[in-house]
Amino acid sequence: MIRLSALVECGTRALIDAALGPWTQAEESQCTALCRALRPGMLLLADRGSKGFALARSAAATCAQLLRRMSADLPACRTLSPDS
């Protein structure tokens, strides 16, 4: 069995980059590796399963923007509400 994580463009669903590894490889490490394909001006949308400082640090180093859905029990840098 393998684990595949992909960086995909939302509008066209074009494949930007992919990471492939053994099933035992953590998804977080694959997502962090995919940050190599991010560029300034890109917006990375990540779900609440894609948490961790390593991912946030790797994404920030590319000057891409990171928008991440978080669990309610984790602190947020800035919380966006429907009214904001």
C-alpha atoms as a PDB file:
ATOM      1  CA  MET A   1       0.000   0.000   0.000  1.00  0.00           C
ATOM      2  CA  ILE A   2       1.103   3.565  -0.680  1.00  0.00           C
ATOM      3  CA  ARG A   3       0.205   7.019   0.587  1.00  0.00           C
ATOM      4  CA  LEU A   4      -0.312   9.772  -1.981  1.00  0.00           C
ATOM      5  CA  SER A   5      -0.710  13.468  -1.194  1.00  0.00           C
ATOM      6  CA  ALA A   6      -1.246  16.017  -3.941  1.00  0.00           C
ATOM      7  CA  LEU A   7      -1.192  19.768  -4.407  1.00  0.00           C
ATOM      8  CA  VAL A   8      -4.022  20.610  -6.793  1.00  0.00           C
ATOM      9  CA  GLU A   9      -5.271  23.908  -8.252  1.00  0.00           C
ATOM     10  CA  CYS A  10      -8.861  24.502  -7.106  1.00  0.00           C
ATOM     11  CA  GLY A  11     -10.362  26.050 -10.243  1.00  0.00           C
ATOM     12  CA  THR A  12      -8.967  23.784 -12.946  1.00  0.00           C
ATOM     13  CA  ARG A  13      -8.043  20.832 -10.721  1.00  0.00           C
ATOM     14  CA  ALA A  14      -4.628  20.811 -12.379  1.00  0.00           C
ATOM     15  CA  LEU A  15      -2.017  18.726 -10.574  1.00  0.00           C
ATOM     16  CA  ILE A  16       0.790  20.991  -9.353  1.00  0.00           C
ATOM     17  CA  ASP A  17       2.875  18.476  -7.379  1.00  0.00           C
ATOM     18  CA  ALA A  18       2.530  15.110  -5.647  1.00  0.00           C
ATOM     19  CA  ALA A  19       4.306  13.156  -2.926  1.00  0.00           C
ATOM     20  CA  LEU A  20       4.266   9.381  -2.956  1.00  0.00           C
ATOM     21  CA  GLY A  21       5.566   7.089  -0.235  1.00  0.00           C
ATOM     22  CA  PRO A  22       4.921   4.004   1.844  1.00  0.00           C
ATOM     23  CA  TRP A  23       1.648   3.752   3.760  1.00  0.00           C
ATOM     24  CA  THR A  24       3.627   4.131   6.998  1.00  0.00           C
ATOM     25  CA  GLN A  25       4.822   7.615   5.985  1.00  0.00           C
ATOM     26  CA  ALA A  26       2.885  10.340   7.784  1.00  0.00           C
ATOM     27  CA  GLU A  27       0.606  12.537   5.686  1.00  0.00           C
ATOM     28  CA  GLU A  28       2.012  15.582   7.493  1.00  0.00           C
ATOM     29  CA  SER A  29       5.524  14.925   6.175  1.00  0.00           C
ATOM     30  CA  GLN A  30       4.185  14.554   2.632  1.00  0.00           C
ATOM     31  CA  CYS A  31       2.238  17.821   2.903  1.00  0.00           C
ATOM     32  CA  THR A  32       5.321  19.599   4.223  1.00  0.00           C
ATOM     33  CA  ALA A  33       7.322  18.263   1.254  1.00  0.00           C
ATOM     34  CA  LEU A  34       4.659  19.562  -1.163  1.00  0.00           C
ATOM     35  CA  CYS A  35       5.383  23.102   0.027  1.00  0.00           C
ATOM     36  CA  ARG A  36       8.348  22.998  -2.384  1.00  0.00           C
ATOM     37  CA  ALA A  37       5.879  23.761  -5.191  1.00  0.00           C
ATOM     38  CA  LEU A  38       4.309  26.814  -3.525  1.00  0.00           C
ATOM     39  CA  ARG A  39       5.132  30.270  -4.893  1.00  0.00           C
ATOM     40  CA  PRO A  40       4.496  33.815  -3.664  1.00  0.00           C
ATOM     41  CA  GLY A  41       0.914  34.864  -4.339  1.00  0.00           C
ATOM     42  CA  MET A  42      -0.501  31.330  -4.076  1.00  0.00           C
ATOM     43  CA  LEU A  43      -3.174  30.543  -1.490  1.00  0.00           C
ATOM     44  CA  LEU A  44      -2.834  27.152   0.183  1.00  0.00           C
ATOM     45  CA  LEU A  45      -6.135  25.768   1.495  1.00  0.00           C
ATOM     46  CA  ALA A  46      -5.610  23.057   4.085  1.00  0.00           C
ATOM     47  CA  ASP A  47      -8.127  21.077   6.109  1.00  0.00           C
ATOM     48  CA  ARG A  48      -7.974  20.544   9.845  1.00  0.00           C
ATOM     49  CA  GLY A  49      -6.146  17.247   9.380  1.00  0.00           C
ATOM     50  CA  SER A  50      -3.192  19.159   7.928  1.00  0.00           C
ATOM     51  CA  LYS A  51      -2.013  20.653  11.176  1.00  0.00           C
ATOM     52  CA  GLY A  52       1.411  21.125  12.599  1.00  0.00           C
ATOM     53  CA  PHE A  53       4.073  23.754  12.916  1.00  0.00           C
ATOM     54  CA  ALA A  54       6.299  22.183  10.251  1.00  0.00           C
ATOM     55  CA  LEU A  55       3.638  22.637   7.566  1.00  0.00           C
ATOM     56  CA  ALA A  56       2.896  26.231   8.586  1.00  0.00           C
ATOM     57  CA  ARG A  57       6.615  27.081   8.669  1.00  0.00           C
ATOM     58  CA  SER A  58       7.286  25.462   5.289  1.00  0.00           C
ATOM     59  CA  ALA A  59       4.336  27.248   3.665  1.00  0.00           C
ATOM     60  CA  ALA A  60       5.301  30.606   5.192  1.00  0.00           C
ATOM     61  CA  ALA A  61       8.864  30.269   3.911  1.00  0.00           C
ATOM     62  CA  THR A  62       7.546  30.284   0.325  1.00  0.00           C
ATOM     63  CA  CYS A  63       5.649  33.583   0.845  1.00  0.00           C
ATOM     64  CA  ALA A  64       2.422  31.789  -0.091  1.00  0.00           C
ATOM     65  CA  GLN A  65      -0.677  32.485   1.988  1.00  0.00           C
ATOM     66  CA  LEU A  66      -2.051  29.714   4.216  1.00  0.00           C
ATOM     67  CA  LEU A  67      -5.739  29.321   5.035  1.00  0.00           C
ATOM     68  CA  ARG A  68      -6.387  26.366   7.260  1.00  0.00           C
ATOM     69  CA  ARG A  69      -9.514  24.949   8.883  1.00  0.00           C
ATOM     70  CA  MET A  70      -8.650  24.253  12.510  1.00  0.00           C
ATOM     71  CA  SER A  71     -10.136  22.186  15.294  1.00  0.00           C
ATOM     72  CA  ALA A  72     -11.944  24.221  17.937  1.00  0.00           C
ATOM     73  CA  ASP A  73      -9.450  23.133  20.628  1.00  0.00           C
ATOM     74  CA  LEU A  74      -6.419  24.690  18.877  1.00  0.00           C
ATOM     75  CA  PRO A  75      -5.434  28.351  19.115  1.00  0.00           C
ATOM     76  CA  ALA A  76      -5.684  30.340  15.885  1.00  0.00           C
ATOM     77  CA  CYS A  77      -3.535  33.188  14.593  1.00  0.00           C
ATOM     78  CA  ARG A  78      -6.675  34.935  13.418  1.00  0.00           C
ATOM     79  CA  THR A  79     -10.210  33.629  13.408  1.00  0.00           C
ATOM     80  CA  LEU A  80     -12.383  34.564  10.449  1.00  0.00           C
ATOM     81  CA  SER A  81     -16.124  34.665  10.879  1.00  0.00           C
ATOM     82  CA  PRO A  82     -18.819  34.910   8.199  1.00  0.00           C
ATOM     83  CA  ASP A  83     -19.330  38.559   9.222  1.00  0.00           C
ATOM     84  CA  SER A  84     -15.703  39.610   8.735  1.00  0.00           C
END
